[in-house]
PDB file of N, CA and C in Angstrom:
ATOM      1  N   MET A   1       0.823  -1.191   0.000  1.00  0.00           N
ATOM      2  CA  MET A   1       0.000   0.000   0.000  1.00  0.00           C
ATOM      3  C   MET A   1       0.872   1.262   0.000  1.00  0.00           C
ATOM      4  N   ALA A   2       2.001   1.201   0.679  1.00  0.00           N
ATOM      5  CA  ALA A   2       2.903   2.354   0.724  1.00  0.00           C
ATOM      6  C   ALA A   2       3.424   2.683  -0.669  1.00  0.00           C
ATOM      7  N   ASP A   3       3.664   1.635  -1.494  1.00  0.00           N
ATOM      8  CA  ASP A   3       4.130   1.860  -2.854  1.00  0.00           C
ATOM      9  C   ASP A   3       3.092   2.624  -3.670  1.00  0.00           C
ATOM     10  N   ILE A   4       1.838   2.299  -3.506  1.00  0.00           N
ATOM     11  CA  ILE A   4       0.769   2.987  -4.237  1.00  0.00           C
ATOM     12  C   ILE A   4       0.674   4.439  -3.791  1.00  0.00           C
ATOM     13  N   LYS A   5       0.762   4.676  -2.486  1.00  0.00           N
ATOM     14  CA  LYS A   5       0.715   6.047  -1.975  1.00  0.00           C
ATOM     15  C   LYS A   5       1.901   6.849  -2.498  1.00  0.00           C
ATOM     16  N   GLY A   6       3.060   6.214  -2.550  1.00  0.00           N
ATOM     17  CA  GLY A   6       4.245   6.880  -3.078  1.00  0.00           C
ATOM     18  C   GLY A   6       4.086   7.213  -4.556  1.00  0.00           C
ATOM     19  N   LEU A   7       3.530   6.279  -5.309  1.00  0.00           N
ATOM     20  CA  LEU A   7       3.287   6.498  -6.737  1.00  0.00           C
ATOM     21  C   LEU A   7       2.302   7.643  -6.943  1.00  0.00           C
ATOM     22  N   LEU A   8       1.221   7.640  -6.190  1.00  0.00           N
ATOM     23  CA  LEU A   8       0.226   8.707  -6.305  1.00  0.00           C
ATOM     24  C   LEU A   8       0.826  10.065  -5.957  1.00  0.00           C
ATOM     25  N   LYS A   9       1.689  10.095  -4.960  1.00  0.00           N
ATOM     26  CA  LYS A   9       2.354  11.346  -4.583  1.00  0.00           C
ATOM     27  C   LYS A   9       3.277  11.818  -5.710  1.00  0.00           C
ATOM     28  N   THR A  10       3.994  10.895  -6.310  1.00  0.00           N
ATOM     29  CA  THR A  10       4.881  11.232  -7.415  1.00  0.00           C
ATOM     30  C   THR A  10       4.081  11.774  -8.599  1.00  0.00           C
ATOM     31  N   ILE A  11       2.969  11.150  -8.920  1.00  0.00           N
ATOM     32  CA  ILE A  11       2.110  11.610 -10.014  1.00  0.00           C
ATOM     33  C   ILE A  11       1.580  13.009  -9.721  1.00  0.00           C
ATOM     34  N   GLU A  12       1.152  13.232  -8.494  1.00  0.00           N
ATOM     35  CA  GLU A  12       0.635  14.540  -8.095  1.00  0.00           C
ATOM     36  C   GLU A  12       1.712  15.612  -8.235  1.00  0.00           C
ATOM     37  N   GLU A  13       2.928  15.305  -7.824  1.00  0.00           N
ATOM     38  CA  GLU A  13       4.034  16.260  -7.931  1.00  0.00           C
ATOM     39  C   GLU A  13       4.369  16.549  -9.394  1.00  0.00           C
ATOM     40  N   TYR A  14       4.341  15.503 -10.218  1.00  0.00           N
ATOM     41  CA  TYR A  14       4.602  15.661 -11.651  1.00  0.00           C
ATOM     42  C   TYR A  14       3.557  16.569 -12.287  1.00  0.00           C
ATOM     43  N   ASN A  15       2.285  16.298 -11.996  1.00  0.00           N
ATOM     44  CA  ASN A  15       1.202  17.110 -12.551  1.00  0.00           C
ATOM     45  C   ASN A  15       1.306  18.559 -12.099  1.00  0.00           C
ATOM     46  N   LYS A  16       1.663  18.776 -10.857  1.00  0.00           N
ATOM     47  CA  LYS A  16       1.811  20.124 -10.316  1.00  0.00           C
ATOM     48  C   LYS A  16       2.953  20.854 -11.030  1.00  0.00           C
ATOM     49  N   LYS A  17       4.024  20.141 -11.299  1.00  0.00           N
ATOM     50  CA  LYS A  17       5.194  20.731 -11.955  1.00  0.00           C
ATOM     51  C   LYS A  17       4.848  21.264 -13.345  1.00  0.00           C
ATOM     52  N   TYR A  18       3.969  20.565 -14.076  1.00  0.00           N
ATOM     53  CA  TYR A  18       3.641  20.937 -15.452  1.00  0.00           C
ATOM     54  C   TYR A  18       2.286  21.625 -15.578  1.00  0.00           C
ATOM     55  N   GLU A  19       1.731  22.051 -14.463  1.00  0.00           N
ATOM     56  CA  GLU A  19       0.448  22.744 -14.453  1.00  0.00           C
ATOM     57  C   GLU A  19       0.592  24.115 -15.117  1.00  0.00           C
ATOM     58  N   ILE A  20      -0.438  24.509 -15.854  1.00  0.00           N
ATOM     59  CA  ILE A  20      -0.430  25.810 -16.512  1.00  0.00           C
ATOM     60  C   ILE A  20      -1.120  26.818 -15.611  1.00  0.00           C
ATOM     61  N   THR A  21      -0.456  27.950 -15.425  1.00  0.00           N
ATOM     62  CA  THR A  21      -1.001  29.035 -14.610  1.00  0.00           C
ATOM     63  C   THR A  21      -0.931  30.333 -15.408  1.00  0.00           C
ATOM     64  N   GLU A  22      -1.406  31.400 -14.820  1.00  0.00           N
ATOM     65  CA  GLU A  22      -1.329  32.699 -15.487  1.00  0.00           C
ATOM     66  C   GLU A  22       0.109  33.159 -15.666  1.00  0.00           C
ATOM     67  N   ASN A  23       1.027  32.585 -14.912  1.00  0.00           N
ATOM     68  CA  ASN A  23       2.444  32.945 -15.008  1.00  0.00           C
ATOM     69  C   ASN A  23       3.234  32.045 -15.953  1.00  0.00           C
ATOM     70  N   SER A  24       2.579  31.078 -16.568  1.00  0.00           N
ATOM     71  CA  SER A  24       3.268  30.146 -17.465  1.00  0.00           C
ATOM     72  C   SER A  24       3.760  30.875 -18.709  1.00  0.00           C
ATOM     73  N   SER A  25       4.920  30.474 -19.166  1.00  0.00           N
ATOM     74  CA  SER A  25       5.482  31.062 -20.386  1.00  0.00           C
ATOM     75  C   SER A  25       4.767  30.480 -21.605  1.00  0.00           C
ATOM     76  N   GLU A  26       4.984  31.109 -22.745  1.00  0.00           N
ATOM     77  CA  GLU A  26       4.399  30.601 -23.995  1.00  0.00           C
ATOM     78  C   GLU A  26       4.926  29.199 -24.285  1.00  0.00           C
ATOM     79  N   ALA A  27       6.196  28.957 -24.008  1.00  0.00           N
ATOM     80  CA  ALA A  27       6.787  27.630 -24.221  1.00  0.00           C
ATOM     81  C   ALA A  27       6.099  26.583 -23.351  1.00  0.00           C
ATOM     82  N   GLU A  28       5.821  26.922 -22.115  1.00  0.00           N
ATOM     83  CA  GLU A  28       5.145  25.985 -21.207  1.00  0.00           C
ATOM     84  C   GLU A  28       3.721  25.707 -21.675  1.00  0.00           C
ATOM     85  N   LYS A  29       3.051  26.713 -22.198  1.00  0.00           N
ATOM     86  CA  LYS A  29       1.695  26.519 -22.712  1.00  0.00           C
ATOM     87  C   LYS A  29       1.697  25.624 -23.949  1.00  0.00           C
ATOM     88  N   LEU A  30       2.672  25.839 -24.818  1.00  0.00           N
ATOM     89  CA  LEU A  30       2.778  24.985 -26.006  1.00  0.00           C
ATOM     90  C   LEU A  30       3.136  23.551 -25.619  1.00  0.00           C
ATOM     91  N   ARG A  31       4.041  23.406 -24.653  1.00  0.00           N
ATOM     92  CA  ARG A  31       4.392  22.062 -24.178  1.00  0.00           C
ATOM     93  C   ARG A  31       3.153  21.354 -23.645  1.00  0.00           C
ATOM     94  N   TYR A  32       2.348  22.074 -22.892  1.00  0.00           N
ATOM     95  CA  TYR A  32       1.116  21.493 -22.347  1.00  0.00           C
ATOM     96  C   TYR A  32       0.197  21.039 -23.483  1.00  0.00           C
ATOM     97  N   ARG A  33       0.051  21.874 -24.501  1.00  0.00           N
ATOM     98  CA  ARG A  33      -0.795  21.495 -25.640  1.00  0.00           C
ATOM     99  C   ARG A  33      -0.242  20.271 -26.360  1.00  0.00           C
ATOM    100  N   LEU A  34       1.079  20.169 -26.446  1.00  0.00           N
ATOM    101  CA  LEU A  34       1.697  19.018 -27.094  1.00  0.00           C
ATOM    102  C   LEU A  34       1.460  17.728 -26.311  1.00  0.00           C
ATOM    103  N   MET A  35       1.477  17.834 -25.010  1.00  0.00           N
ATOM    104  CA  MET A  35       1.443  16.642 -24.163  1.00  0.00           C
ATOM    105  C   MET A  35       0.035  16.221 -23.733  1.00  0.00           C
ATOM    106  N   ASN A  36      -0.951  17.084 -23.879  1.00  0.00           N
ATOM    107  CA  ASN A  36      -2.251  16.800 -23.293  1.00  0.00           C
ATOM    108  C   ASN A  36      -3.381  16.910 -24.303  1.00  0.00           C
ATOM    109  N   GLY A  37      -4.356  16.069 -24.093  1.00  0.00           N
ATOM    110  CA  GLY A  37      -5.582  16.151 -24.865  1.00  0.00           C
ATOM    111  C   GLY A  37      -5.506  15.496 -26.219  1.00  0.00           C
ATOM    112  N   LYS A  38      -6.614  14.917 -26.588  1.00  0.00           N
ATOM    113  CA  LYS A  38      -6.747  14.323 -27.910  1.00  0.00           C
ATOM    114  C   LYS A  38      -6.978  15.446 -28.911  1.00  0.00           C
ATOM    115  N   LYS A  39      -6.328  15.361 -30.065  1.00  0.00           N
ATOM    116  CA  LYS A  39      -6.441  16.406 -31.070  1.00  0.00           C
ATOM    117  C   LYS A  39      -6.866  15.800 -32.410  1.00  0.00           C
ATOM    118  N   ASN A  40      -7.689  16.541 -33.142  1.00  0.00           N
ATOM    119  CA  ASN A  40      -8.011  16.107 -34.499  1.00  0.00           C
ATOM    120  C   ASN A  40      -6.932  16.642 -35.438  1.00  0.00           C
ATOM    121  N   LYS A  41      -7.035  16.326 -36.718  1.00  0.00           N
ATOM    122  CA  LYS A  41      -5.946  16.707 -37.627  1.00  0.00           C
ATOM    123  C   LYS A  41      -5.796  18.217 -37.751  1.00  0.00           C
ATOM    124  N   GLU A  42      -6.897  18.959 -37.749  1.00  0.00           N
ATOM    125  CA  GLU A  42      -6.791  20.410 -37.834  1.00  0.00           C
ATOM    126  C   GLU A  42      -6.080  20.986 -36.608  1.00  0.00           C
ATOM    127  N   GLU A  43      -6.374  20.432 -35.444  1.00  0.00           N
ATOM    128  CA  GLU A  43      -5.726  20.897 -34.217  1.00  0.00           C
ATOM    129  C   GLU A  43      -4.237  20.587 -34.225  1.00  0.00           C
ATOM    130  N   TRP A  44      -3.845  19.422 -34.743  1.00  0.00           N
ATOM    131  CA  TRP A  44      -2.417  19.085 -34.842  1.00  0.00           C
ATOM    132  C   TRP A  44      -1.706  20.056 -35.773  1.00  0.00           C
ATOM    133  N   LEU A  45      -2.315  20.317 -36.933  1.00  0.00           N
ATOM    134  CA  LEU A  45      -1.678  21.205 -37.900  1.00  0.00           C
ATOM    135  C   LEU A  45      -1.601  22.639 -37.364  1.00  0.00           C
ATOM    136  N   GLN A  46      -2.622  23.089 -36.629  1.00  0.00           N
ATOM    137  CA  GLN A  46      -2.589  24.414 -36.026  1.00  0.00           C
ATOM    138  C   GLN A  46      -1.519  24.487 -34.934  1.00  0.00           C
ATOM    139  N   LEU A  47      -1.414  23.439 -34.155  1.00  0.00           N
ATOM    140  CA  LEU A  47      -0.391  23.398 -33.110  1.00  0.00           C
ATOM    141  C   LEU A  47       0.999  23.480 -33.724  1.00  0.00           C
ATOM    142  N   ARG A  48       1.213  22.758 -34.820  1.00  0.00           N
ATOM    143  CA  ARG A  48       2.514  22.823 -35.492  1.00  0.00           C
ATOM    144  C   ARG A  48       2.808  24.248 -35.964  1.00  0.00           C
ATOM    145  N   GLU A  49       1.804  24.904 -36.511  1.00  0.00           N
ATOM    146  CA  GLU A  49       1.986  26.287 -36.946  1.00  0.00           C
ATOM    147  C   GLU A  49       2.312  27.199 -35.771  1.00  0.00           C
ATOM    148  N   ASP A  50       1.624  27.009 -34.658  1.00  0.00           N
ATOM    149  CA  ASP A  50       1.893  27.807 -33.459  1.00  0.00           C
ATOM    150  C   ASP A  50       3.309  27.574 -32.941  1.00  0.00           C
ATOM    151  N   VAL A  51       3.754  26.325 -32.973  1.00  0.00           N
ATOM    152  CA  VAL A  51       5.112  25.996 -32.530  1.00  0.00           C
ATOM    153  C   VAL A  51       6.135  26.623 -33.474  1.00  0.00           C
ATOM    154  N   ARG A  52       5.892  26.536 -34.770  1.00  0.00           N
ATOM    155  CA  ARG A  52       6.813  27.150 -35.735  1.00  0.00           C
ATOM    156  C   ARG A  52       6.923  28.656 -35.502  1.00  0.00           C
ATOM    157  N   ASN A  53       5.787  29.291 -35.286  1.00  0.00           N
ATOM    158  CA  ASN A  53       5.806  30.740 -35.026  1.00  0.00           C
ATOM    159  C   ASN A  53       6.567  31.059 -33.748  1.00  0.00           C
ATOM    160  N   PHE A  54       6.430  30.212 -32.749  1.00  0.00           N
ATOM    161  CA  PHE A  54       7.170  30.413 -31.502  1.00  0.00           C
ATOM    162  C   PHE A  54       8.671  30.345 -31.757  1.00  0.00           C
ATOM    163  N   PHE A  55       9.115  29.367 -32.546  1.00  0.00           N
ATOM    164  CA  PHE A  55      10.548  29.237 -32.826  1.00  0.00           C
ATOM    165  C   PHE A  55      11.084  30.412 -33.648  1.00  0.00           C
ATOM    166  N   LYS A  56      10.220  31.052 -34.439  1.00  0.00           N
ATOM    167  CA  LYS A  56      10.628  32.228 -35.218  1.00  0.00           C
ATOM    168  C   LYS A  56      10.627  33.501 -34.374  1.00  0.00           C
ATOM    169  N   SER A  57      10.007  33.456 -33.215  1.00  0.00           N
ATOM    170  CA  SER A  57       9.862  34.640 -32.374  1.00  0.00           C
ATOM    171  C   SER A  57      11.167  34.978 -31.651  1.00  0.00           C
ATOM    172  N   ASP A  58      11.119  36.044 -30.892  1.00  0.00           N
ATOM    173  CA  ASP A  58      12.287  36.450 -30.103  1.00  0.00           C
ATOM    174  C   ASP A  58      12.220  35.900 -28.676  1.00  0.00           C
ATOM    175  N   ALA A  59      11.540  34.788 -28.511  1.00  0.00           N
ATOM    176  CA  ALA A  59      11.456  34.136 -27.196  1.00  0.00           C
ATOM    177  C   ALA A  59      12.858  33.717 -26.749  1.00  0.00           C
ATOM    178  N   PRO A  60      13.055  33.577 -25.445  1.00  0.00           N
ATOM    179  CA  PRO A  60      14.373  33.164 -24.934  1.00  0.00           C
ATOM    180  C   PRO A  60      14.812  31.814 -25.511  1.00  0.00           C
ATOM    181  N   GLU A  61      16.082  31.726 -25.812  1.00  0.00           N
ATOM    182  CA  GLU A  61      16.629  30.479 -26.377  1.00  0.00           C
ATOM    183  C   GLU A  61      16.406  29.287 -25.449  1.00  0.00           C
ATOM    184  N   GLU A  62      16.479  29.494 -24.154  1.00  0.00           N
ATOM    185  CA  GLU A  62      16.271  28.377 -23.224  1.00  0.00           C
ATOM    186  C   GLU A  62      14.839  27.846 -23.328  1.00  0.00           C
ATOM    187  N   ASP A  63      13.861  28.718 -23.593  1.00  0.00           N
ATOM    188  CA  ASP A  63      12.483  28.264 -23.788  1.00  0.00           C
ATOM    189  C   ASP A  63      12.361  27.478 -25.094  1.00  0.00           C
ATOM    190  N   LYS A  64      13.033  27.952 -26.130  1.00  0.00           N
ATOM    191  CA  LYS A  64      13.007  27.250 -27.414  1.00  0.00           C
ATOM    192  C   LYS A  64      13.651  25.872 -27.285  1.00  0.00           C
ATOM    193  N   GLU A  65      14.764  25.801 -26.583  1.00  0.00           N
ATOM    194  CA  GLU A  65      15.449  24.518 -26.393  1.00  0.00           C
ATOM    195  C   GLU A  65      14.573  23.553 -25.605  1.00  0.00           C
ATOM    196  N   MET A  66      13.896  24.038 -24.572  1.00  0.00           N
ATOM    197  CA  MET A  66      13.020  23.190 -23.772  1.00  0.00           C
ATOM    198  C   MET A  66      11.899  22.633 -24.646  1.00  0.00           C
ATOM    199  N   LEU A  67      11.256  23.491 -25.429  1.00  0.00           N
ATOM    200  CA  LEU A  67      10.123  23.065 -26.238  1.00  0.00           C
ATOM    201  C   LEU A  67      10.549  22.094 -27.334  1.00  0.00           C
ATOM    202  N   LEU A  68      11.718  22.294 -27.880  1.00  0.00           N
ATOM    203  CA  LEU A  68      12.207  21.441 -28.966  1.00  0.00           C
ATOM    204  C   LEU A  68      12.179  19.968 -28.588  1.00  0.00           C
ATOM    205  N   GLY A  69      12.440  19.669 -27.344  1.00  0.00           N
ATOM    206  CA  GLY A  69      12.444  18.287 -26.885  1.00  0.00           C
ATOM    207  C   GLY A  69      11.080  17.621 -26.899  1.00  0.00           C
ATOM    208  N   TYR A  70      10.023  18.377 -27.133  1.00  0.00           N
ATOM    209  CA  TYR A  70       8.665  17.836 -27.122  1.00  0.00           C
ATOM    210  C   TYR A  70       8.013  17.826 -28.499  1.00  0.00           C
ATOM    211  N   THR A  71       8.741  18.179 -29.540  1.00  0.00           N
ATOM    212  CA  THR A  71       8.114  18.377 -30.848  1.00  0.00           C
ATOM    213  C   THR A  71       8.242  17.200 -31.820  1.00  0.00           C
ATOM    214  N   GLU A  72       9.033  16.204 -31.495  1.00  0.00           N
ATOM    215  CA  GLU A  72       9.260  15.113 -32.445  1.00  0.00           C
ATOM    216  C   GLU A  72       7.966  14.369 -32.788  1.00  0.00           C
ATOM    217  N   SER A  73       7.193  14.010 -31.791  1.00  0.00           N
ATOM    218  CA  SER A  73       5.963  13.271 -32.074  1.00  0.00           C
ATOM    219  C   SER A  73       4.980  14.132 -32.863  1.00  0.00           C
ATOM    220  N   MET A  74       4.926  15.428 -32.569  1.00  0.00           N
ATOM    221  CA  MET A  74       4.061  16.334 -33.323  1.00  0.00           C
ATOM    222  C   MET A  74       4.460  16.331 -34.798  1.00  0.00           C
ATOM    223  N   SER A  75       5.741  16.409 -35.061  1.00  0.00           N
ATOM    224  CA  SER A  75       6.229  16.410 -36.442  1.00  0.00           C
ATOM    225  C   SER A  75       5.854  15.124 -37.161  1.00  0.00           C
ATOM    226  N   MET A  76       5.995  14.013 -36.476  1.00  0.00           N
ATOM    227  CA  MET A  76       5.660  12.720 -37.080  1.00  0.00           C
ATOM    228  C   MET A  76       4.161  12.619 -37.365  1.00  0.00           C
ATOM    229  N   ILE A  77       3.340  13.064 -36.437  1.00  0.00           N
ATOM    230  CA  ILE A  77       1.890  13.004 -36.622  1.00  0.00           C
ATOM    231  C   ILE A  77       1.465  13.917 -37.769  1.00  0.00           C
ATOM    232  N   CYS A  78       2.001  15.122 -37.811  1.00  0.00           N
ATOM    233  CA  CYS A  78       1.638  16.054 -38.881  1.00  0.00           C
ATOM    234  C   CYS A  78       2.092  15.534 -40.248  1.00  0.00           C
ATOM    235  N   SER A  79       3.250  14.912 -40.310  1.00  0.00           N
ATOM    236  CA  SER A  79       3.710  14.307 -41.566  1.00  0.00           C
ATOM    237  C   SER A  79       2.770  13.191 -42.002  1.00  0.00           C
ATOM    238  N   ALA A  80       2.341  12.375 -41.058  1.00  0.00           N
ATOM    239  CA  ALA A  80       1.399  11.293 -41.379  1.00  0.00           C
ATOM    240  C   ALA A  80       0.061  11.849 -41.858  1.00  0.00           C
ATOM    241  N   ILE A  81      -0.376  12.935 -41.281  1.00  0.00           N
ATOM    242  CA  ILE A  81      -1.630  13.579 -41.714  1.00  0.00           C
ATOM    243  C   ILE A  81      -1.498  14.069 -43.144  1.00  0.00           C
ATOM    244  N   GLU A  82      -0.415  14.769 -43.429  1.00  0.00           N
ATOM    245  CA  GLU A  82      -0.226  15.352 -44.756  1.00  0.00           C
ATOM    246  C   GLU A  82       0.109  14.318 -45.826  1.00  0.00           C
ATOM    247  N   ASP A  83       0.947  13.356 -45.476  1.00  0.00           N
ATOM    248  CA  ASP A  83       1.423  12.395 -46.476  1.00  0.00           C
ATOM    249  C   ASP A  83       0.466  11.232 -46.714  1.00  0.00           C
ATOM    250  N   TYR A  84      -0.251  10.822 -45.664  1.00  0.00           N
ATOM    251  CA  TYR A  84      -1.050   9.607 -45.764  1.00  0.00           C
ATOM    252  C   TYR A  84      -2.517   9.790 -45.381  1.00  0.00           C
ATOM    253  N   GLY A  85      -2.922  11.004 -45.054  1.00  0.00           N
ATOM    254  CA  GLY A  85      -4.293  11.245 -44.673  1.00  0.00           C
ATOM    255  C   GLY A  85      -4.651  10.673 -43.299  1.00  0.00           C
ATOM    256  N   TYR A  86      -3.640  10.536 -42.462  1.00  0.00           N
ATOM    257  CA  TYR A  86      -3.842   9.964 -41.121  1.00  0.00           C
ATOM    258  C   TYR A  86      -4.909  10.736 -40.370  1.00  0.00           C
ATOM    259  N   GLU A  87      -5.798  10.006 -39.717  1.00  0.00           N
ATOM    260  CA  GLU A  87      -6.837  10.586 -38.850  1.00  0.00           C
ATOM    261  C   GLU A  87      -6.560  10.181 -37.420  1.00  0.00           C
ATOM    262  N   PRO A  88      -6.040  11.113 -36.593  1.00  0.00           N
ATOM    263  CA  PRO A  88      -5.742  10.765 -35.197  1.00  0.00           C
ATOM    264  C   PRO A  88      -6.998  10.446 -34.408  1.00  0.00           C
TER     265      PRO A  88
END
């Protein structure tokens, strides 16, 4: 039982760490969108556009580097949508 309580505490701490607040940066908001929620193909393509615009912006390099680590799956999904008509 202690293992389950420990796991639940770890999950709670993880969720708290990545929670979006009014003080969250644009990079943190985009990361949240990348990691959460089911998206249809239009939402995936819009998210990719939003991420691209973020990388073109004058946002801090450390924010860009952080977000970059979360974009691989988005790129793969968007390629599948465009190349093969994938429906998420």
